[in-house]
Amino acid sequence: MSNPHETAEDFLEQVKPNAPLLGLDLGDKTIGVAVSDIFWSISTPRDTIRRKKFGVDATALEAIIDSTNAIGLVLGLPRNMDGSEGPRCQSTRAFARNFLARRDLPILLWDERLSTVAAERALIEADTSRAKRAGLIDHVAAGYILQGALDRFSHIRRAG
């Protein structure tokens, strides 16, 4: 079993564009899921998994991985605004380790500060009702997380 990657550079050593990646926004009650195109240009919000227990959540996530042929995961790491890590980061790291014990798939832990704020703002600007926003926010936030990583990958590839 490998460990989750802490940097985009390390992650890119394990995976190359030619298949989608999934972006995940891990919450207490839901997991927002986004998927990239095979060229890693565009992130598209896809699903929200209602959390139950780890085994059920992992099985639902594996079904999405299999249906999209995803080759890696970008998991939002909810750091505090000062960059420190609190209990939510510990929970996210534990999820990544437990998932890697089930399936050896490269995972990048991506700083997700403000992704939910950005997703909420985009939904408000799109004139989405408050009730509808609640059902969309998690996978839209996952889309922001994944797009941030895709943009970083593009920058690394251009520089290298």
C-alpha atoms as a PDB file:
ATOM      1  CA  MET A   1       0.000   0.000   0.000  1.00  0.00           C
ATOM      2  CA  SER A   2       1.315   3.418  -0.923  1.00  0.00           C
ATOM      3  CA  ASN A   3       0.757   6.628   1.014  1.00  0.00           C
ATOM      4  CA  PRO A   4      -1.248   9.628  -0.148  1.00  0.00           C
ATOM      5  CA  HIS A   5       0.863  12.164  -2.029  1.00  0.00           C
ATOM      6  CA  GLU A   6       1.442  15.561  -0.425  1.00  0.00           C
ATOM      7  CA  THR A   7       2.643  17.378  -3.574  1.00  0.00           C
ATOM      8  CA  ALA A   8       1.407  17.612  -7.135  1.00  0.00           C
ATOM      9  CA  GLU A   9       4.901  16.757  -8.374  1.00  0.00           C
ATOM     10  CA  ASP A  10       4.972  13.454  -6.474  1.00  0.00           C
ATOM     11  CA  PHE A  11       1.477  12.598  -7.684  1.00  0.00           C
ATOM     12  CA  LEU A  12       2.437  13.305 -11.306  1.00  0.00           C
ATOM     13  CA  GLU A  13       5.280  10.789 -11.052  1.00  0.00           C
ATOM     14  CA  GLN A  14       2.625   8.099 -10.501  1.00  0.00           C
ATOM     15  CA  VAL A  15       0.009   9.104 -13.087  1.00  0.00           C
ATOM     16  CA  LYS A  16      -0.048  10.507 -16.613  1.00  0.00           C
ATOM     17  CA  PRO A  17      -2.961  12.069 -18.545  1.00  0.00           C
ATOM     18  CA  ASN A  18      -4.911   9.546 -20.627  1.00  0.00           C
ATOM     19  CA  ALA A  19      -7.704   8.726 -18.210  1.00  0.00           C
ATOM     20  CA  PRO A  20      -9.847  10.761 -15.823  1.00  0.00           C
ATOM     21  CA  LEU A  21      -9.094  11.754 -12.266  1.00  0.00           C
ATOM     22  CA  LEU A  22     -11.705  12.161  -9.562  1.00  0.00           C
ATOM     23  CA  GLY A  23     -11.847  15.101  -7.178  1.00  0.00           C
ATOM     24  CA  LEU A  24     -13.355  14.518  -3.741  1.00  0.00           C
ATOM     25  CA  ASP A  25     -14.752  16.941  -1.173  1.00  0.00           C
ATOM     26  CA  LEU A  26     -15.007  14.836   1.967  1.00  0.00           C
ATOM     27  CA  GLY A  27     -17.575  16.097   4.443  1.00  0.00           C
ATOM     28  CA  ASP A  28     -19.104  14.653   7.588  1.00  0.00           C
ATOM     29  CA  LYS A  29     -22.379  13.785   5.855  1.00  0.00           C
ATOM     30  CA  THR A  30     -21.462  13.675   2.169  1.00  0.00           C
ATOM     31  CA  ILE A  31     -18.654  13.133  -0.308  1.00  0.00           C
ATOM     32  CA  GLY A  32     -18.753  15.457  -3.295  1.00  0.00           C
ATOM     33  CA  VAL A  33     -17.326  13.909  -6.462  1.00  0.00           C
ATOM     34  CA  ALA A  34     -16.052  15.591  -9.622  1.00  0.00           C
ATOM     35  CA  VAL A  35     -14.421  14.015 -12.683  1.00  0.00           C
ATOM     36  CA  SER A  36     -11.847  15.351 -15.132  1.00  0.00           C
ATOM     37  CA  ASP A  37     -11.587  14.799 -18.849  1.00  0.00           C
ATOM     38  CA  ILE A  38      -8.825  12.451 -20.032  1.00  0.00           C
ATOM     39  CA  PHE A  39      -6.536  15.390 -20.875  1.00  0.00           C
ATOM     40  CA  TRP A  40      -6.861  16.855 -17.355  1.00  0.00           C
ATOM     41  CA  SER A  41      -8.116  20.196 -18.623  1.00  0.00           C
ATOM     42  CA  ILE A  42     -11.641  20.422 -17.254  1.00  0.00           C
ATOM     43  CA  SER A  43     -13.248  19.349 -13.993  1.00  0.00           C
ATOM     44  CA  THR A  44     -16.951  18.544 -13.999  1.00  0.00           C
ATOM     45  CA  PRO A  45     -19.030  18.126 -10.824  1.00  0.00           C
ATOM     46  CA  ARG A  46     -20.584  14.661 -10.912  1.00  0.00           C
ATOM     47  CA  ASP A  47     -22.168  13.151  -7.788  1.00  0.00           C
ATOM     48  CA  THR A  48     -22.728  13.502  -4.081  1.00  0.00           C
ATOM     49  CA  ILE A  49     -22.401  10.336  -2.022  1.00  0.00           C
ATOM     50  CA  ARG A  50     -24.430  10.361   1.200  1.00  0.00           C
ATOM     51  CA  ARG A  51     -22.061   9.063   3.873  1.00  0.00           C
ATOM     52  CA  LYS A  52     -23.012   5.995   5.853  1.00  0.00           C
ATOM     53  CA  LYS A  53     -19.996   4.058   7.099  1.00  0.00           C
ATOM     54  CA  PHE A  54     -16.575   3.721   5.537  1.00  0.00           C
ATOM     55  CA  GLY A  55     -17.161   0.389   3.766  1.00  0.00           C
ATOM     56  CA  VAL A  56     -20.395   1.580   2.148  1.00  0.00           C
ATOM     57  CA  ASP A  57     -18.840   4.927   1.202  1.00  0.00           C
ATOM     58  CA  ALA A  58     -15.764   3.230  -0.290  1.00  0.00           C
ATOM     59  CA  THR A  59     -17.912   0.817  -2.313  1.00  0.00           C
ATOM     60  CA  ALA A  60     -19.913   3.742  -3.747  1.00  0.00           C
ATOM     61  CA  LEU A  61     -16.675   5.555  -4.585  1.00  0.00           C
ATOM     62  CA  GLU A  62     -15.199   2.435  -6.195  1.00  0.00           C
ATOM     63  CA  ALA A  63     -18.291   2.153  -8.412  1.00  0.00           C
ATOM     64  CA  ILE A  64     -17.661   5.698  -9.678  1.00  0.00           C
ATOM     65  CA  ILE A  65     -13.950   4.956 -10.167  1.00  0.00           C
ATOM     66  CA  ASP A  66     -14.829   1.868 -12.208  1.00  0.00           C
ATOM     67  CA  SER A  67     -17.523   3.594 -14.275  1.00  0.00           C
ATOM     68  CA  THR A  68     -15.224   6.494 -15.185  1.00  0.00           C
ATOM     69  CA  ASN A  69     -11.974   4.473 -15.455  1.00  0.00           C
ATOM     70  CA  ALA A  70     -10.366   7.022 -13.114  1.00  0.00           C
ATOM     71  CA  ILE A  71      -6.653   6.496 -12.457  1.00  0.00           C
ATOM     72  CA  GLY A  72      -6.238   8.705  -9.400  1.00  0.00           C
ATOM     73  CA  LEU A  73      -7.973  10.769  -6.742  1.00  0.00           C
ATOM     74  CA  VAL A  74      -7.525  14.375  -5.687  1.00  0.00           C
ATOM     75  CA  LEU A  75      -8.812  14.539  -2.131  1.00  0.00           C
ATOM     76  CA  GLY A  76      -9.474  17.948  -0.619  1.00  0.00           C
ATOM     77  CA  LEU A  77      -7.494  18.485   2.593  1.00  0.00           C
ATOM     78  CA  PRO A  78      -9.408  20.975   4.778  1.00  0.00           C
ATOM     79  CA  ARG A  79      -6.564  22.946   6.354  1.00  0.00           C
ATOM     80  CA  ASN A  80      -7.319  25.816   8.699  1.00  0.00           C
ATOM     81  CA  MET A  81      -6.920  29.293   7.227  1.00  0.00           C
ATOM     82  CA  ASP A  82      -3.496  29.625   8.909  1.00  0.00           C
ATOM     83  CA  GLY A  83      -2.344  26.412   7.173  1.00  0.00           C
ATOM     84  CA  SER A  84      -2.460  24.256  10.291  1.00  0.00           C
ATOM     85  CA  GLU A  85      -4.267  20.936  10.414  1.00  0.00           C
ATOM     86  CA  GLY A  86      -7.170  20.199  12.717  1.00  0.00           C
ATOM     87  CA  PRO A  87      -9.467  17.215  13.307  1.00  0.00           C
ATOM     88  CA  ARG A  88     -11.016  17.382   9.822  1.00  0.00           C
ATOM     89  CA  CYS A  89      -7.556  16.965   8.256  1.00  0.00           C
ATOM     90  CA  GLN A  90      -6.903  13.948  10.482  1.00  0.00           C
ATOM     91  CA  SER A  91     -10.223  12.457   9.380  1.00  0.00           C
ATOM     92  CA  THR A  92      -9.384  13.088   5.701  1.00  0.00           C
ATOM     93  CA  ARG A  93      -5.948  11.501   6.061  1.00  0.00           C
ATOM     94  CA  ALA A  94      -7.524   8.475   7.774  1.00  0.00           C
ATOM     95  CA  PHE A  95     -10.041   8.136   4.926  1.00  0.00           C
ATOM     96  CA  ALA A  96      -7.184   8.226   2.383  1.00  0.00           C
ATOM     97  CA  ARG A  97      -5.173   5.566   4.277  1.00  0.00           C
ATOM     98  CA  ASN A  98      -8.229   3.327   4.684  1.00  0.00           C
ATOM     99  CA  PHE A  99      -9.154   3.699   1.027  1.00  0.00           C
ATOM    100  CA  LEU A 100      -5.595   2.866  -0.046  1.00  0.00           C
ATOM    101  CA  ALA A 101      -5.839  -0.336   1.997  1.00  0.00           C
ATOM    102  CA  ARG A 102      -8.791  -1.322  -0.226  1.00  0.00           C
ATOM    103  CA  ARG A 103      -7.494  -0.080  -3.561  1.00  0.00           C
ATOM    104  CA  ASP A 104      -3.984   1.010  -4.449  1.00  0.00           C
ATOM    105  CA  LEU A 105      -4.821   4.109  -6.464  1.00  0.00           C
ATOM    106  CA  PRO A 106      -2.706   7.286  -6.368  1.00  0.00           C
ATOM    107  CA  ILE A 107      -4.233   9.895  -4.053  1.00  0.00           C
ATOM    108  CA  LEU A 108      -3.170  13.538  -3.892  1.00  0.00           C
ATOM    109  CA  LEU A 109      -4.071  15.487  -0.757  1.00  0.00           C
ATOM    110  CA  TRP A 110      -4.937  18.948  -2.095  1.00  0.00           C
ATOM    111  CA  ASP A 111      -5.297  22.082   0.013  1.00  0.00           C
ATOM    112  CA  GLU A 112      -8.963  22.918  -0.307  1.00  0.00           C
ATOM    113  CA  ARG A 113      -9.169  26.148   1.679  1.00  0.00           C
ATOM    114  CA  LEU A 114     -12.046  28.258   0.397  1.00  0.00           C
ATOM    115  CA  SER A 115     -13.284  25.694  -2.173  1.00  0.00           C
ATOM    116  CA  THR A 116     -16.718  25.514  -0.534  1.00  0.00           C
ATOM    117  CA  VAL A 117     -16.856  29.319  -0.341  1.00  0.00           C
ATOM    118  CA  ALA A 118     -16.022  29.550  -4.067  1.00  0.00           C
ATOM    119  CA  ALA A 119     -18.608  26.883  -4.909  1.00  0.00           C
ATOM    120  CA  GLU A 120     -21.286  28.658  -2.864  1.00  0.00           C
ATOM    121  CA  ARG A 121     -20.483  31.986  -4.554  1.00  0.00           C
ATOM    122  CA  ALA A 122     -20.688  30.401  -8.024  1.00  0.00           C
ATOM    123  CA  LEU A 123     -24.060  28.837  -7.224  1.00  0.00           C
ATOM    124  CA  ILE A 124     -25.406  32.142  -5.887  1.00  0.00           C
ATOM    125  CA  GLU A 125     -24.176  33.952  -9.012  1.00  0.00           C
ATOM    126  CA  ALA A 126     -25.974  31.311 -11.082  1.00  0.00           C
ATOM    127  CA  ASP A 127     -29.140  32.277  -9.166  1.00  0.00           C
ATOM    128  CA  THR A 128     -29.484  28.795  -7.671  1.00  0.00           C
ATOM    129  CA  SER A 129     -32.086  28.636  -4.912  1.00  0.00           C
ATOM    130  CA  ARG A 130     -30.906  27.993  -1.351  1.00  0.00           C
ATOM    131  CA  ALA A 131     -32.643  24.596  -1.301  1.00  0.00           C
ATOM    132  CA  LYS A 132     -31.040  23.537  -4.570  1.00  0.00           C
ATOM    133  CA  ARG A 133     -27.605  24.835  -3.491  1.00  0.00           C
ATOM    134  CA  ALA A 134     -27.639  22.456  -0.521  1.00  0.00           C
ATOM    135  CA  GLY A 135     -27.858  19.489  -2.904  1.00  0.00           C
ATOM    136  CA  LEU A 136     -25.187  20.786  -5.269  1.00  0.00           C
ATOM    137  CA  ILE A 137     -22.583  22.386  -3.024  1.00  0.00           C
ATOM    138  CA  ASP A 138     -20.532  19.259  -2.280  1.00  0.00           C
ATOM    139  CA  HIS A 139     -19.902  18.106  -5.836  1.00  0.00           C
ATOM    140  CA  VAL A 140     -19.433  21.695  -7.032  1.00  0.00           C
ATOM    141  CA  ALA A 141     -16.794  22.119  -4.273  1.00  0.00           C
ATOM    142  CA  ALA A 142     -15.202  18.848  -5.476  1.00  0.00           C
ATOM    143  CA  GLY A 143     -15.079  20.415  -8.941  1.00  0.00           C
ATOM    144  CA  TYR A 144     -13.178  23.429  -7.552  1.00  0.00           C
ATOM    145  CA  ILE A 145     -10.751  21.147  -5.712  1.00  0.00           C
ATOM    146  CA  LEU A 146     -10.081  19.066  -8.809  1.00  0.00           C
ATOM    147  CA  GLN A 147      -9.807  22.084 -11.127  1.00  0.00           C
ATOM    148  CA  GLY A 148      -7.231  23.660  -8.832  1.00  0.00           C
ATOM    149  CA  ALA A 149      -5.110  20.515  -9.033  1.00  0.00           C
ATOM    150  CA  LEU A 150      -5.559  20.244 -12.821  1.00  0.00           C
ATOM    151  CA  ASP A 151      -4.416  23.848 -13.231  1.00  0.00           C
ATOM    152  CA  ARG A 152      -1.346  23.103 -11.098  1.00  0.00           C
ATOM    153  CA  PHE A 153      -0.563  19.977 -13.165  1.00  0.00           C
ATOM    154  CA  SER A 154      -0.768  22.043 -16.352  1.00  0.00           C
ATOM    155  CA  HIS A 155       1.636  24.621 -14.917  1.00  0.00           C
ATOM    156  CA  ILE A 156       4.112  21.904 -13.846  1.00  0.00           C
ATOM    157  CA  ARG A 157       4.004  20.239 -17.271  1.00  0.00           C
ATOM    158  CA  ARG A 158       4.554  23.577 -19.065  1.00  0.00           C
ATOM    159  CA  ALA A 159       7.473  24.457 -16.774  1.00  0.00           C
ATOM    160  CA  GLY A 160       9.061  21.018 -17.111  1.00  0.00           C
END
